[in-house]
Amino acid sequence: MENSAPDNNVATLRGNETSGPLYRNAPQNVEIEAALLGAILTNNRAHEQVAEFLQPEHFYEPAHQSVFAAAAKLIEMGQQASPTTLRHFFEQDDSLAAVGGAQYLMELATSVFSTINAAEYGQTIRDLHLRRELITLGEHVVNEGYRLDIDISAMDQIETTEQSLYDLATTGKTERGYVSLVDAAKSAVEMAEQALRREGQVVGVSTGLKDIDRLLGGLHPSDLLIIAGRPSMGKTALATNIAFNAAKAGDTVLFFSLEMSSEQLATRILSEQSGIPSDRIRRGDIKDDEFQRVVVASQELHRTPLFIDDTPALSVSALRTRARRLKRKNNLSLIVVDYLQLMQSGLGRRNDNRVQEISEITRGLKTLAKELDVPVLALSQLSRQVENRDNKRPQLADLRESGSIEQDADVVIFIFREEYYLARDEPISEYDEDTTRFAEKYEKWLIKKSEVENIAEVIVAKQRHGPTDNVNLFFDGSLTRFADFDRHHDSDDYP
């Protein structure tokens, strides 16, 4: 029938035509771009108002990108940027061909009305650029969502997207700009005043270990601190103790445990707090009264703002994303990473050059510390060459795989327990050895072992803000617990 109802598809199309065009132009305003360029060519001081945040790529029109870049280059060289001085840049360059060639420079300068609004024009241009970048990012996210890659999971894509979105949101915000000496000195005095009022004169986060706090002044915001040592020295135990002590004092701590599970880490803390060896807690080899102590310790853990992420093989990007999430939700005070060599520098890839990869990781952690303004405490393995020396106390040269760890770190701490090495060197009687001679040898070994029993030597080998020195701590291996050496006998502190 001729008077039949119109096709639904046609009706839908017509509805779209009335509601808006199917194709939308990218956000842009070439008139404002031209106005800003004209203001700069008329009065170069207008460039000062936008130089800190505006880049050539922020312009939508390619010709405007070229003009702004050329003008900025001349101004930074101390020369005058005008249609005349810029003309020779473009006489043999086709960058302005689409808008009329070098003559377009004169049109820009003669059409400007005022240079007063230069900063406002620049902010508008930058805002429109960010909107275009957001659209591009959205399109990329959609395309990546459709693309199936067995090596990249959906969670990897989400973390990458969140990282890209955060980078876009913080574009231009990382520069603090200059600060006068008066303002910097005022901030320094305020920090000193806060430290004076706090118990133990600590700036930032307290480790809960008074001798270390006295030497370091606490864990300073924006610092990267490295705790290094050979296996079985107690790196994880010390980091866990510091993290829990900080959380118990009210500081929010994020602990990235790349080696141990969150349950294993929690068991260590329960052991340290209850005074019951962790292996007995895991086996359930405890009495009723001991179980009650574990329950009480568990209740204490509920009140501490300590968060554990035990995702293995984290990349710096993923770690940064998760730290930012917690920073937004809580007032994050400390980040702990256990340990460096288990991290990856980039998402889903490992660099063939491990030294370069470790360098990227340490730089990334230092950048994160400054960005979030919190201390980052990272653990690191030491090279095997320590075992080949008679004196096995570690040195900065023993830092495994990269000198950049020493370079990027604000503080480098080594843990050394001579008791561990002496236990492995226990004298064994030879079949034909003189009994008296062996007895003397064994007696000397016992005396030496007793002198270093339960002693952990903390060596501060580098400190950007203060002196280097050694500190002795009490270490209980069965409870994986560190404490101030002169208090280890106090029954109130050690159940």
Protein backbone atom coordinates (compact mmCIF):
# COMPACT_ATOMS: atom_id res chain seq x y z
CA MET A 1 0.00 0.00 0.00
CA GLU A 2 1.23 3.47 -0.85
CA ASN A 3 0.17 4.91 2.50
CA SER A 4 1.95 2.26 4.59
CA ALA A 5 3.85 3.29 7.74
CA PRO A 6 7.44 4.44 7.17
CA ASP A 7 10.26 1.95 7.71
CA ASN A 8 11.52 1.93 11.32
CA ASN A 9 15.13 2.34 10.23
CA VAL A 10 14.24 5.43 8.23
CA ALA A 11 12.36 6.85 11.19
CA THR A 12 15.36 6.23 13.42
CA LEU A 13 17.66 8.00 10.98
CA ARG A 14 15.35 10.97 10.73
CA GLY A 15 15.18 11.10 14.52
CA ASN A 16 18.96 11.23 14.67
CA GLU A 17 19.01 14.00 12.11
CA THR A 18 16.70 16.13 14.24
CA SER A 19 18.52 15.40 17.51
CA GLY A 20 22.03 16.06 16.20
CA PRO A 21 24.57 15.12 13.51
CA LEU A 22 25.88 11.56 13.35
CA TYR A 23 29.45 12.93 12.99
CA ARG A 24 30.87 15.18 15.72
CA ASN A 25 33.90 17.41 15.33
CA ALA A 26 36.72 17.12 17.85
CA PRO A 27 36.69 19.87 20.51
CA GLN A 28 38.68 22.81 19.16
CA ASN A 29 38.64 26.57 18.69
CA VAL A 30 41.00 27.79 15.97
CA GLU A 31 39.85 31.39 16.50
CA ILE A 32 41.19 31.42 20.06
CA GLU A 33 44.40 29.76 18.86
CA ALA A 34 44.82 32.50 16.26
CA ALA A 35 44.07 35.19 18.86
CA LEU A 36 46.76 33.86 21.21
CA LEU A 37 49.36 33.60 18.44
CA GLY A 38 48.53 37.13 17.32
CA ALA A 39 48.98 38.37 20.88
CA ILE A 40 52.39 36.70 21.13
CA LEU A 41 53.57 38.06 17.77
CA THR A 42 52.42 41.54 18.79
CA ASN A 43 53.89 41.44 22.28
CA ASN A 44 56.32 38.64 23.11
CA ARG A 45 55.65 39.06 26.84
CA ALA A 46 52.32 37.36 26.26
CA HIS A 47 54.32 34.16 25.82
CA GLU A 48 55.42 34.36 29.47
CA GLN A 49 51.80 33.91 30.55
CA VAL A 50 51.46 30.53 28.83
CA ALA A 51 55.02 29.19 28.60
CA GLU A 52 54.78 27.01 31.73
CA PHE A 53 51.78 24.93 30.66
CA LEU A 54 51.21 25.31 26.92
CA GLN A 55 53.00 23.15 24.33
CA PRO A 56 52.85 23.22 20.50
CA GLU A 57 50.95 19.91 20.38
CA HIS A 58 48.12 21.46 22.41
CA PHE A 59 47.05 23.43 19.32
CA TYR A 60 44.49 21.80 17.05
CA GLU A 61 45.53 23.50 13.81
CA PRO A 62 48.89 22.11 12.54
CA ALA A 63 49.89 25.52 11.20
CA HIS A 64 49.34 27.02 14.65
CA GLN A 65 51.52 24.32 16.18
CA SER A 66 54.36 25.32 13.87
CA VAL A 67 53.97 29.05 14.53
CA PHE A 68 53.87 28.61 18.31
CA ALA A 69 56.92 26.32 18.29
CA ALA A 70 58.95 28.70 16.14
CA ALA A 71 57.96 31.75 18.17
CA ALA A 72 58.77 30.00 21.46
CA LYS A 73 62.18 28.99 20.12
CA LEU A 74 63.11 32.53 19.16
CA ILE A 75 61.83 33.99 22.45
CA GLU A 76 63.77 31.44 24.51
CA MET A 77 66.90 32.42 22.53
CA GLY A 78 66.34 36.02 23.58
CA GLN A 79 65.32 37.16 20.10
CA GLN A 80 62.20 38.94 18.90
CA ALA A 81 59.39 36.79 17.49
CA SER A 82 57.41 38.78 14.91
CA PRO A 83 55.92 38.18 11.45
CA THR A 84 59.14 39.54 9.98
CA THR A 85 61.56 37.38 11.98
CA LEU A 86 59.43 34.27 11.56
CA ARG A 87 58.87 34.70 7.83
CA HIS A 88 62.14 33.03 6.82
CA PHE A 89 61.20 30.00 8.95
CA PHE A 90 58.22 29.34 6.71
CA GLU A 91 59.19 30.68 3.27
CA GLN A 92 60.51 27.26 2.28
CA ASP A 93 58.30 25.34 4.68
CA ASP A 94 54.88 24.06 3.66
CA SER A 95 53.56 24.15 7.24
CA LEU A 96 51.50 27.29 6.53
CA ALA A 97 50.57 26.44 2.96
CA ALA A 98 47.01 25.46 3.86
CA VAL A 99 46.31 28.82 5.52
CA GLY A 100 47.99 31.15 3.03
CA GLY A 101 51.74 30.73 3.59
CA ALA A 102 54.04 33.15 5.38
CA GLN A 103 51.57 35.98 4.74
CA TYR A 104 49.36 34.34 7.38
CA LEU A 105 51.79 35.53 10.07
CA MET A 106 50.95 39.15 9.26
CA GLU A 107 47.23 38.36 9.33
CA LEU A 108 47.60 36.89 12.81
CA ALA A 109 49.41 39.96 14.15
CA THR A 110 47.08 42.54 12.59
CA SER A 111 43.88 40.83 13.71
CA VAL A 112 44.67 40.81 17.44
CA PHE A 113 42.78 43.19 19.71
CA SER A 114 44.46 42.71 23.10
CA THR A 115 47.15 40.69 24.85
CA ILE A 116 45.40 40.85 28.24
CA ASN A 117 43.58 37.54 27.81
CA ALA A 118 46.63 35.52 26.71
CA ALA A 119 46.66 33.27 29.81
CA GLU A 120 42.93 32.61 29.53
CA TYR A 121 43.29 31.77 25.83
CA GLY A 122 46.15 29.40 26.65
CA GLN A 123 44.12 27.60 29.32
CA THR A 124 41.22 27.16 26.88
CA ILE A 125 43.53 25.73 24.22
CA ARG A 126 45.03 23.30 26.71
CA ASP A 127 41.61 22.27 28.02
CA LEU A 128 40.38 21.50 24.51
CA HIS A 129 43.54 19.48 23.87
CA LEU A 130 42.90 17.40 27.00
CA ARG A 131 39.34 16.76 25.83
CA ARG A 132 40.64 15.50 22.48
CA GLU A 133 43.16 13.29 24.27
CA LEU A 134 40.37 11.94 26.47
CA ILE A 135 38.36 11.02 23.38
CA THR A 136 41.40 9.31 21.86
CA LEU A 137 42.01 7.42 25.10
CA GLY A 138 38.38 6.30 25.16
CA GLU A 139 38.62 5.00 21.61
CA HIS A 140 41.85 3.17 22.48
CA VAL A 141 40.21 1.57 25.52
CA VAL A 142 37.33 0.32 23.37
CA ASN A 143 39.68 -1.09 20.73
CA GLU A 144 41.88 -2.79 23.34
CA GLY A 145 38.78 -4.26 24.96
CA TYR A 146 37.87 -5.96 21.68
CA ARG A 147 41.43 -7.20 21.09
CA LEU A 148 42.14 -10.52 22.82
CA ASP A 149 45.77 -11.03 23.80
CA ILE A 150 46.66 -14.13 25.80
CA ASP A 151 49.60 -12.29 27.44
CA ILE A 152 47.50 -9.35 28.67
CA SER A 153 44.55 -9.95 30.99
CA ALA A 154 41.54 -7.71 31.42
CA MET A 155 42.92 -6.53 34.78
CA ASP A 156 46.19 -5.58 33.05
CA GLN A 157 44.21 -3.50 30.56
CA ILE A 158 42.27 -1.83 33.38
CA GLU A 159 45.49 -0.92 35.19
CA THR A 160 47.03 0.41 31.98
CA THR A 161 43.93 2.49 31.30
CA GLU A 162 43.87 3.84 34.84
CA GLN A 163 47.54 4.76 34.53
CA SER A 164 46.93 6.55 31.21
CA LEU A 165 43.92 8.38 32.64
CA TYR A 166 45.89 9.44 35.69
CA ASP A 167 48.77 10.65 33.52
CA LEU A 168 46.32 12.68 31.47
CA ALA A 169 44.68 14.11 34.59
CA THR A 170 48.01 15.17 36.09
CA THR A 171 49.50 16.62 32.89
CA GLY A 172 51.26 19.83 33.79
CA LYS A 173 50.77 19.35 37.54
CA THR A 174 54.11 17.75 38.37
CA GLU A 175 56.04 21.01 38.15
CA ARG A 176 56.06 22.80 41.50
CA GLY A 177 57.61 25.91 40.04
CA TYR A 178 60.16 28.00 41.87
CA VAL A 179 60.01 28.59 45.60
CA SER A 180 61.75 31.48 47.33
CA LEU A 181 64.41 30.72 49.91
CA VAL A 182 62.23 32.45 52.50
CA ASP A 183 59.31 30.06 51.85
CA ALA A 184 61.61 27.03 51.75
CA ALA A 185 63.22 28.04 55.04
CA LYS A 186 59.79 28.56 56.60
CA SER A 187 58.78 25.01 55.63
CA ALA A 188 62.04 23.65 57.04
CA VAL A 189 61.47 25.42 60.36
CA GLU A 190 57.90 24.08 60.54
CA MET A 191 59.20 20.53 60.00
CA ALA A 192 61.79 21.03 62.73
CA GLU A 193 59.11 22.34 65.08
CA GLN A 194 56.91 19.30 64.42
CA ALA A 195 59.85 16.97 65.05
CA LEU A 196 60.65 18.78 68.29
CA ARG A 197 57.10 18.32 69.55
CA ARG A 198 56.94 14.63 68.59
CA GLU A 199 58.32 12.03 70.94
CA GLY A 200 61.76 10.94 69.79
CA GLN A 201 62.15 14.02 67.55
CA VAL A 202 61.00 12.15 64.45
CA VAL A 203 60.13 13.72 61.11
CA GLY A 204 57.58 11.74 59.14
CA VAL A 205 56.94 8.08 59.97
CA SER A 206 58.48 6.43 63.04
CA THR A 207 60.01 2.96 62.67
CA GLY A 208 59.12 2.11 66.28
CA LEU A 209 62.84 1.42 66.89
CA LYS A 210 64.29 4.34 68.83
CA ASP A 211 67.94 3.88 67.82
CA ILE A 212 67.08 3.82 64.11
CA ASP A 213 64.72 6.77 64.54
CA ARG A 214 67.46 8.68 66.34
CA LEU A 215 69.89 8.08 63.46
CA LEU A 216 67.47 8.65 60.58
CA GLY A 217 65.05 11.06 62.20
CA GLY A 218 62.23 8.77 61.06
CA LEU A 219 61.22 7.90 57.52
CA HIS A 220 61.02 11.15 55.59
CA PRO A 221 58.29 11.88 53.02
CA SER A 222 59.43 11.56 49.37
CA ASP A 223 62.46 9.43 50.37
CA LEU A 224 63.38 6.07 48.83
CA LEU A 225 64.90 3.83 51.51
CA ILE A 226 66.57 0.51 50.68
CA ILE A 227 66.96 -2.34 53.17
CA ALA A 228 69.42 -4.86 51.73
CA GLY A 229 70.97 -8.08 52.91
CA ARG A 230 71.74 -11.68 52.10
CA PRO A 231 69.03 -14.34 52.56
CA SER A 232 68.14 -15.18 56.22
CA MET A 233 69.45 -11.85 57.52
CA GLY A 234 65.92 -10.69 58.42
CA LYS A 235 65.05 -8.14 55.73
CA THR A 236 61.37 -9.04 55.55
CA ALA A 237 61.15 -9.32 59.33
CA LEU A 238 62.57 -5.81 59.82
CA ALA A 239 60.34 -4.33 57.11
CA THR A 240 57.28 -6.05 58.61
CA ASN A 241 58.14 -4.82 62.10
CA ILE A 242 58.57 -1.24 60.85
CA ALA A 243 55.33 -1.41 58.85
CA PHE A 244 53.33 -2.72 61.80
CA ASN A 245 54.89 -0.25 64.24
CA ALA A 246 53.98 2.62 61.91
CA ALA A 247 50.41 1.33 61.44
CA LYS A 248 50.01 0.83 65.20
CA ALA A 249 50.97 4.49 65.64
CA GLY A 250 48.13 5.46 63.28
CA ASP A 251 50.00 5.80 59.97
CA THR A 252 48.40 4.12 56.95
CA VAL A 253 50.81 1.61 55.43
CA LEU A 254 50.65 -0.25 52.11
CA PHE A 255 52.81 -3.38 52.04
CA PHE A 256 53.54 -4.97 48.64
CA SER A 257 54.58 -8.56 49.41
CA LEU A 258 55.81 -10.06 46.14
CA GLU A 259 57.41 -13.08 47.81
CA MET A 260 55.15 -14.08 50.70
CA SER A 261 51.37 -14.39 50.76
CA SER A 262 49.29 -12.02 52.87
CA GLU A 263 48.42 -14.93 55.19
CA GLN A 264 52.10 -15.72 55.78
CA LEU A 265 52.85 -12.07 56.48
CA ALA A 266 49.90 -11.81 58.88
CA THR A 267 51.08 -14.97 60.67
CA ARG A 268 54.49 -13.35 61.19
CA ILE A 269 52.86 -10.29 62.71
CA LEU A 270 50.64 -12.46 64.93
CA SER A 271 53.74 -14.34 66.08
CA GLU A 272 55.62 -11.14 66.80
CA GLN A 273 52.69 -9.69 68.75
CA SER A 274 51.65 -12.81 70.66
CA GLY A 275 55.15 -14.11 71.42
CA ILE A 276 54.37 -17.54 69.92
CA PRO A 277 56.61 -18.90 67.13
CA SER A 278 54.96 -18.61 63.72
CA ASP A 279 55.64 -22.24 62.78
CA ARG A 280 53.64 -23.39 65.83
CA ILE A 281 50.77 -21.06 64.90
CA ARG A 282 50.70 -22.48 61.36
CA ARG A 283 50.68 -26.07 62.65
CA GLY A 284 48.10 -25.32 65.33
CA ASP A 285 50.61 -26.57 67.93
CA ILE A 286 49.47 -24.19 70.65
CA LYS A 287 47.72 -24.48 74.00
CA ASP A 288 44.41 -22.87 74.94
CA ASP A 289 46.01 -19.98 76.79
CA GLU A 290 48.38 -19.39 73.85
CA PHE A 291 45.44 -19.39 71.45
CA GLN A 292 43.85 -16.63 73.52
CA ARG A 293 47.05 -14.60 73.11
CA VAL A 294 46.79 -15.10 69.34
CA VAL A 295 43.16 -13.93 69.45
CA VAL A 296 44.12 -10.82 71.41
CA ALA A 297 46.94 -10.10 68.94
CA SER A 298 44.48 -10.57 66.06
CA GLN A 299 42.14 -8.01 67.59
CA GLU A 300 45.05 -5.58 67.74
CA LEU A 301 45.64 -6.16 64.02
CA HIS A 302 42.03 -5.20 63.26
CA ARG A 303 42.72 -1.71 64.59
CA THR A 304 45.83 -1.08 62.50
CA PRO A 305 45.62 0.58 59.06
CA LEU A 306 48.05 -1.87 57.40
CA PHE A 307 47.11 -3.06 53.89
CA ILE A 308 48.84 -5.98 52.16
CA ASP A 309 49.00 -6.57 48.39
CA ASP A 310 50.55 -9.97 47.63
CA THR A 311 50.19 -9.85 43.82
CA PRO A 312 53.31 -11.52 42.36
CA ALA A 313 55.58 -9.96 39.70
CA LEU A 314 54.01 -6.50 39.92
CA SER A 315 55.12 -3.85 37.47
CA VAL A 316 56.05 -0.36 38.63
CA SER A 317 53.00 0.96 36.78
CA ALA A 318 50.62 -1.43 38.55
CA LEU A 319 52.20 -0.70 41.93
CA ARG A 320 51.86 3.04 41.32
CA THR A 321 48.21 2.67 40.33
CA ARG A 322 47.33 0.71 43.48
CA ALA A 323 49.22 3.11 45.73
CA ARG A 324 47.33 6.04 44.20
CA ARG A 325 44.00 4.29 44.79
CA LEU A 326 44.75 3.88 48.50
CA LYS A 327 46.10 7.43 48.68
CA ARG A 328 42.74 8.70 47.41
CA LYS A 329 40.80 6.65 49.97
CA ASN A 330 43.15 6.97 52.96
CA ASN A 331 45.88 9.29 54.07
CA LEU A 332 48.69 6.96 52.93
CA SER A 333 51.86 7.43 55.00
CA LEU A 334 54.26 4.63 54.02
CA ILE A 335 54.81 2.16 51.16
CA VAL A 336 56.84 -1.04 51.63
CA VAL A 337 58.03 -3.22 48.73
CA ASP A 338 59.33 -6.75 49.36
CA TYR A 339 61.37 -6.95 47.21
CA LEU A 340 62.96 -5.09 44.24
CA GLN A 341 64.26 -8.05 42.27
CA LEU A 342 60.78 -9.61 42.05
CA MET A 343 59.31 -6.56 40.32
CA GLN A 344 58.98 -5.84 36.62
CA SER A 345 59.75 -2.49 35.06
CA GLY A 346 57.02 -2.64 32.41
CA LEU A 347 53.61 -4.21 32.12
CA GLY A 348 53.74 -7.79 30.95
CA ARG A 349 57.37 -7.71 29.82
CA ARG A 350 60.81 -8.36 31.14
CA ASN A 351 63.82 -6.50 29.88
CA ASP A 352 66.68 -8.63 28.56
CA ASN A 353 69.02 -6.22 30.32
CA ARG A 354 68.27 -6.88 34.00
CA VAL A 355 70.56 -4.08 35.17
CA GLN A 356 68.61 -1.58 33.08
CA GLU A 357 65.34 -3.02 34.34
CA ILE A 358 66.34 -2.63 37.99
CA SER A 359 67.38 0.95 37.20
CA GLU A 360 63.91 1.66 35.79
CA ILE A 361 62.32 0.13 38.88
CA THR A 362 64.32 2.20 41.37
CA ARG A 363 63.70 5.40 39.38
CA GLY A 364 60.00 4.56 39.30
CA LEU A 365 59.86 4.01 43.07
CA LYS A 366 61.74 7.26 43.74
CA THR A 367 59.35 9.12 41.44
CA LEU A 368 56.39 7.55 43.27
CA ALA A 369 57.79 8.61 46.64
CA LYS A 370 58.03 12.23 45.47
CA GLU A 371 54.68 12.17 43.70
CA LEU A 372 52.69 10.85 46.69
CA ASP A 373 54.97 12.59 49.22
CA VAL A 374 55.44 9.42 51.28
CA PRO A 375 58.52 7.35 52.15
CA VAL A 376 58.97 4.20 50.06
CA LEU A 377 60.82 1.40 51.83
CA ALA A 378 62.07 -1.23 49.38
CA LEU A 379 63.96 -4.44 50.10
CA SER A 380 66.83 -5.67 47.95
CA GLN A 381 68.99 -8.76 47.67
CA LEU A 382 72.77 -8.57 47.80
CA SER A 383 75.14 -10.29 45.40
CA ARG A 384 76.77 -13.61 46.28
CA GLN A 385 80.23 -12.04 46.42
CA VAL A 386 79.54 -11.25 50.09
CA GLU A 387 79.82 -14.96 50.88
CA ASN A 388 83.29 -15.16 49.33
CA ARG A 389 84.87 -12.67 51.75
CA ASP A 390 86.24 -13.35 55.22
CA ASN A 391 84.53 -10.19 56.46
CA LYS A 392 80.93 -10.69 55.37
CA ARG A 393 79.64 -7.29 56.39
CA PRO A 394 77.95 -5.89 53.27
CA GLN A 395 79.12 -2.83 51.38
CA LEU A 396 77.45 -0.52 48.87
CA ALA A 397 79.30 -2.31 46.06
CA ASP A 398 77.40 -5.50 46.99
CA LEU A 399 74.03 -4.10 45.90
CA ARG A 400 72.83 -6.64 43.40
CA GLU A 401 72.53 -5.98 39.65
CA SER A 402 72.60 -2.20 39.60
CA GLY A 403 74.52 0.75 40.95
CA SER A 404 71.38 2.81 40.33
CA ILE A 405 69.95 1.42 43.59
CA GLU A 406 72.65 3.31 45.47
CA GLN A 407 72.26 6.33 43.21
CA ASP A 408 68.47 6.66 43.47
CA ALA A 409 68.13 5.76 47.16
CA ASP A 410 68.13 8.46 49.82
CA VAL A 411 68.99 5.90 52.50
CA VAL A 412 70.68 2.49 52.14
CA ILE A 413 70.50 0.13 55.12
CA PHE A 414 72.23 -3.25 55.40
CA ILE A 415 71.31 -6.01 57.84
CA PHE A 416 74.12 -8.21 59.09
CA ARG A 417 73.83 -11.03 61.64
CA GLU A 418 77.21 -12.55 62.48
CA GLU A 419 75.39 -15.19 64.53
CA TYR A 420 74.03 -16.69 61.31
CA TYR A 421 77.50 -17.20 59.83
CA LEU A 422 79.02 -18.47 63.08
CA ALA A 423 76.28 -21.09 63.36
CA ARG A 424 77.33 -22.44 59.99
CA ASP A 425 81.00 -22.48 61.02
CA GLU A 426 80.59 -24.64 64.13
CA PRO A 427 83.86 -26.58 64.65
CA ILE A 428 83.69 -30.29 63.83
CA SER A 429 86.17 -32.66 65.44
CA GLU A 430 88.45 -34.48 63.04
CA TYR A 431 89.16 -38.17 63.68
CA ASP A 432 92.84 -37.69 64.41
CA GLU A 433 92.56 -34.20 65.98
CA ASP A 434 93.96 -33.60 69.43
CA THR A 435 91.06 -33.57 71.92
CA THR A 436 92.46 -30.71 74.01
CA ARG A 437 93.09 -28.58 70.95
CA PHE A 438 89.57 -29.18 69.65
CA ALA A 439 88.08 -28.34 73.05
CA GLU A 440 89.91 -24.99 73.06
CA LYS A 441 88.75 -24.27 69.52
CA TYR A 442 85.16 -25.14 70.41
CA GLU A 443 85.30 -23.04 73.56
CA LYS A 444 86.45 -19.98 71.59
CA TRP A 445 83.63 -20.57 69.12
CA LEU A 446 81.06 -20.76 71.92
CA ILE A 447 82.32 -17.54 73.49
CA LYS A 448 82.25 -15.69 70.19
CA LYS A 449 78.79 -17.03 69.38
CA SER A 450 77.43 -15.98 72.76
CA GLU A 451 78.77 -12.46 72.21
CA VAL A 452 76.71 -12.01 69.04
CA GLU A 453 73.67 -14.09 69.96
CA ASN A 454 70.38 -12.36 69.08
CA ILE A 455 72.25 -9.32 67.78
CA ALA A 456 71.45 -7.84 64.39
CA GLU A 457 73.73 -5.12 63.11
CA VAL A 458 71.90 -2.45 61.10
CA ILE A 459 74.41 -0.61 58.92
CA VAL A 460 73.28 2.75 57.56
CA ALA A 461 75.73 2.92 54.66
CA LYS A 462 74.19 5.94 52.96
CA GLN A 463 71.99 8.74 54.23
CA ARG A 464 71.41 11.76 52.06
CA HIS A 465 70.13 13.85 54.97
CA GLY A 466 72.48 12.84 57.75
CA PRO A 467 75.39 10.75 59.02
CA THR A 468 76.09 7.08 58.47
CA ASP A 469 76.51 4.75 61.43
CA ASN A 470 75.81 1.26 62.78
CA VAL A 471 72.99 0.34 65.16
CA ASN A 472 72.59 -2.91 67.10
CA LEU A 473 69.09 -4.39 67.40
CA PHE A 474 67.82 -7.37 69.32
CA PHE A 475 66.55 -10.11 66.97
CA ASP A 476 64.43 -13.08 67.99
CA GLY A 477 64.50 -15.48 65.06
CA SER A 478 61.69 -17.71 66.36
CA LEU A 479 59.34 -14.71 66.46
CA THR A 480 60.94 -12.81 63.53
CA ARG A 481 61.00 -9.80 65.81
CA PHE A 482 63.36 -6.85 65.97
CA ALA A 483 63.54 -4.53 68.96
CA ASP A 484 65.80 -1.97 70.58
CA PHE A 485 68.79 -3.84 71.93
CA ASP A 486 68.69 -2.35 75.43
CA ARG A 487 65.04 -3.33 75.96
CA HIS A 488 65.02 -6.98 74.89
CA HIS A 489 64.92 -8.17 78.49
CA ASP A 490 61.85 -6.08 79.39
CA SER A 491 59.00 -8.48 80.13
CA ASP A 492 56.39 -5.83 79.42
CA ASP A 493 57.55 -5.55 75.82
CA TYR A 494 58.32 -9.24 75.30
CA PRO A 495 55.71 -11.72 76.43
